[in-house]
Amino acid sequence: MRKYRKYDWPKLIVDFEASDKTQTQFCKERDINSRYFNQQLHKHRNQDKTKFIELEVEPQQTATAKTSLIIVVGRCKIECPTSMPLQPFTTLVHSLA
């Protein structure tokens, strides 16, 4: 008969991502079923993709007097022309999230 173990999945996933080990090595050291760990890892990563991140976009005038959109994330600053098509712009914003 198999023994049911309750794991602290968020902590295990953080520990795994901080390590430089493969999933197999990580699970073997902790006596965790690697297939079940993989399911939990994918579940965790898919949850992160659905989080909403507030984004402020303010039109500003550049030195060439053209209107542009400047996206600031931390120390990163990205300037996009207002003529930029919507699809590449939303892809950019999604990849920054």
C-alpha atoms as a PDB file:
ATOM      1  CA  MET A   1       0.000   0.000   0.000  1.00  0.00           C
ATOM      2  CA  ARG A   2       1.304   3.455  -0.890  1.00  0.00           C
ATOM      3  CA  LYS A   3       1.740   6.147   1.686  1.00  0.00           C
ATOM      4  CA  TYR A   4       0.109   9.515   1.036  1.00  0.00           C
ATOM      5  CA  ARG A   5       2.416  12.454   1.698  1.00  0.00           C
ATOM      6  CA  LYS A   6       1.409  16.064   1.899  1.00  0.00           C
ATOM      7  CA  TYR A   7       3.958  18.380   0.283  1.00  0.00           C
ATOM      8  CA  ASP A   8       4.403  22.124   0.458  1.00  0.00           C
ATOM      9  CA  TRP A   9       4.364  22.463  -3.351  1.00  0.00           C
ATOM     10  CA  PRO A  10       5.009  26.221  -3.573  1.00  0.00           C
ATOM     11  CA  LYS A  11       8.101  25.861  -1.379  1.00  0.00           C
ATOM     12  CA  LEU A  12       9.320  22.788  -3.267  1.00  0.00           C
ATOM     13  CA  ILE A  13       8.910  24.567  -6.593  1.00  0.00           C
ATOM     14  CA  VAL A  14      10.818  27.629  -5.343  1.00  0.00           C
ATOM     15  CA  ASP A  15      13.568  25.340  -4.024  1.00  0.00           C
ATOM     16  CA  PHE A  16      13.706  23.485  -7.347  1.00  0.00           C
ATOM     17  CA  GLU A  17      13.909  26.692  -9.397  1.00  0.00           C
ATOM     18  CA  ALA A  18      16.682  28.001  -7.134  1.00  0.00           C
ATOM     19  CA  SER A  19      18.680  24.794  -7.565  1.00  0.00           C
ATOM     20  CA  ASP A  20      20.646  23.969 -10.672  1.00  0.00           C
ATOM     21  CA  LYS A  21      19.431  20.379 -10.665  1.00  0.00           C
ATOM     22  CA  THR A  22      17.259  18.502 -13.112  1.00  0.00           C
ATOM     23  CA  GLN A  23      13.741  17.559 -12.042  1.00  0.00           C
ATOM     24  CA  THR A  24      14.831  13.927 -11.791  1.00  0.00           C
ATOM     25  CA  GLN A  25      17.773  14.731  -9.504  1.00  0.00           C
ATOM     26  CA  PHE A  26      15.691  17.081  -7.354  1.00  0.00           C
ATOM     27  CA  CYS A  27      12.876  14.556  -6.918  1.00  0.00           C
ATOM     28  CA  LYS A  28      15.223  11.643  -6.243  1.00  0.00           C
ATOM     29  CA  GLU A  29      16.967  13.547  -3.430  1.00  0.00           C
ATOM     30  CA  ARG A  30      13.620  14.328  -1.786  1.00  0.00           C
ATOM     31  CA  ASP A  31      11.950  10.994  -2.535  1.00  0.00           C
ATOM     32  CA  ILE A  32       9.192  12.630  -4.611  1.00  0.00           C
ATOM     33  CA  ASN A  33       7.422  11.039  -7.561  1.00  0.00           C
ATOM     34  CA  SER A  34       8.925  12.964 -10.501  1.00  0.00           C
ATOM     35  CA  ARG A  35       5.788  12.652 -12.647  1.00  0.00           C
ATOM     36  CA  TYR A  36       3.610  14.112  -9.916  1.00  0.00           C
ATOM     37  CA  PHE A  37       6.174  16.868  -9.305  1.00  0.00           C
ATOM     38  CA  ASN A  38       6.142  17.680 -13.021  1.00  0.00           C
ATOM     39  CA  GLN A  39       2.327  18.005 -12.928  1.00  0.00           C
ATOM     40  CA  GLN A  40       2.532  20.382  -9.972  1.00  0.00           C
ATOM     41  CA  LEU A  41       5.295  22.400 -11.648  1.00  0.00           C
ATOM     42  CA  HIS A  42       3.261  22.867 -14.842  1.00  0.00           C
ATOM     43  CA  LYS A  43       0.186  23.757 -12.802  1.00  0.00           C
ATOM     44  CA  HIS A  44       2.207  26.385 -10.915  1.00  0.00           C
ATOM     45  CA  ARG A  45       3.706  27.865 -14.085  1.00  0.00           C
ATOM     46  CA  ASN A  46       0.304  28.029 -15.820  1.00  0.00           C
ATOM     47  CA  GLN A  47      -1.123  29.908 -12.831  1.00  0.00           C
ATOM     48  CA  ASP A  48       1.628  32.509 -13.213  1.00  0.00           C
ATOM     49  CA  LYS A  49       0.619  33.108 -16.830  1.00  0.00           C
ATOM     50  CA  THR A  50      -2.893  34.135 -15.840  1.00  0.00           C
ATOM     51  CA  LYS A  51      -1.898  36.769 -13.285  1.00  0.00           C
ATOM     52  CA  PHE A  52      -2.798  40.368 -14.053  1.00  0.00           C
ATOM     53  CA  ILE A  53      -0.063  42.941 -13.819  1.00  0.00           C
ATOM     54  CA  GLU A  54      -1.043  46.593 -13.771  1.00  0.00           C
ATOM     55  CA  LEU A  55       0.663  48.526 -16.521  1.00  0.00           C
ATOM     56  CA  GLU A  56       0.720  52.273 -16.892  1.00  0.00           C
ATOM     57  CA  VAL A  57       1.251  53.574 -20.405  1.00  0.00           C
ATOM     58  CA  GLU A  58       1.633  57.311 -20.837  1.00  0.00           C
ATOM     59  CA  PRO A  59       2.004  58.953 -24.255  1.00  0.00           C
ATOM     60  CA  GLN A  60       5.035  61.242 -24.290  1.00  0.00           C
ATOM     61  CA  GLN A  61       6.678  63.492 -26.823  1.00  0.00           C
ATOM     62  CA  THR A  62      10.129  62.380 -27.971  1.00  0.00           C
ATOM     63  CA  ALA A  63      12.925  64.651 -29.113  1.00  0.00           C
ATOM     64  CA  THR A  64      11.748  64.276 -32.716  1.00  0.00           C
ATOM     65  CA  ALA A  65       8.260  65.537 -31.727  1.00  0.00           C
ATOM     66  CA  LYS A  66       6.599  62.211 -32.581  1.00  0.00           C
ATOM     67  CA  THR A  67       4.205  60.677 -30.101  1.00  0.00           C
ATOM     68  CA  SER A  68       5.361  57.367 -28.674  1.00  0.00           C
ATOM     69  CA  LEU A  69       4.489  54.941 -25.897  1.00  0.00           C
ATOM     70  CA  ILE A  70       7.115  54.342 -23.241  1.00  0.00           C
ATOM     71  CA  ILE A  71       6.826  51.188 -21.168  1.00  0.00           C
ATOM     72  CA  VAL A  72       8.818  51.173 -17.941  1.00  0.00           C
ATOM     73  CA  VAL A  73       9.320  47.894 -16.076  1.00  0.00           C
ATOM     74  CA  GLY A  74      11.785  48.275 -13.238  1.00  0.00           C
ATOM     75  CA  ARG A  75      14.940  49.772 -14.732  1.00  0.00           C
ATOM     76  CA  CYS A  76      13.971  48.729 -18.257  1.00  0.00           C
ATOM     77  CA  LYS A  77      12.496  51.430 -20.503  1.00  0.00           C
ATOM     78  CA  ILE A  78      11.000  50.517 -23.889  1.00  0.00           C
ATOM     79  CA  GLU A  79       9.845  53.150 -26.357  1.00  0.00           C
ATOM     80  CA  CYS A  80       7.268  52.102 -28.953  1.00  0.00           C
ATOM     81  CA  PRO A  81       5.895  54.242 -31.765  1.00  0.00           C
ATOM     82  CA  THR A  82       2.145  54.827 -31.644  1.00  0.00           C
ATOM     83  CA  SER A  83       2.002  53.384 -35.139  1.00  0.00           C
ATOM     84  CA  MET A  84       3.083  49.995 -33.759  1.00  0.00           C
ATOM     85  CA  PRO A  85       0.442  47.355 -34.639  1.00  0.00           C
ATOM     86  CA  LEU A  86      -1.643  46.121 -31.710  1.00  0.00           C
ATOM     87  CA  GLN A  87      -0.647  42.427 -31.946  1.00  0.00           C
ATOM     88  CA  PRO A  88       3.132  42.937 -31.547  1.00  0.00           C
ATOM     89  CA  PHE A  89       2.468  45.487 -28.790  1.00  0.00           C
ATOM     90  CA  THR A  90       0.273  43.079 -26.803  1.00  0.00           C
ATOM     91  CA  THR A  91       2.816  40.278 -27.344  1.00  0.00           C
ATOM     92  CA  LEU A  92       5.520  42.564 -25.949  1.00  0.00           C
ATOM     93  CA  VAL A  93       3.431  43.500 -22.910  1.00  0.00           C
ATOM     94  CA  HIS A  94       2.526  39.844 -22.295  1.00  0.00           C
ATOM     95  CA  SER A  95       6.164  38.772 -22.452  1.00  0.00           C
ATOM     96  CA  LEU A  96       7.087  41.448 -19.897  1.00  0.00           C
ATOM     97  CA  ALA A  97       4.405  40.256 -17.461  1.00  0.00           C
END
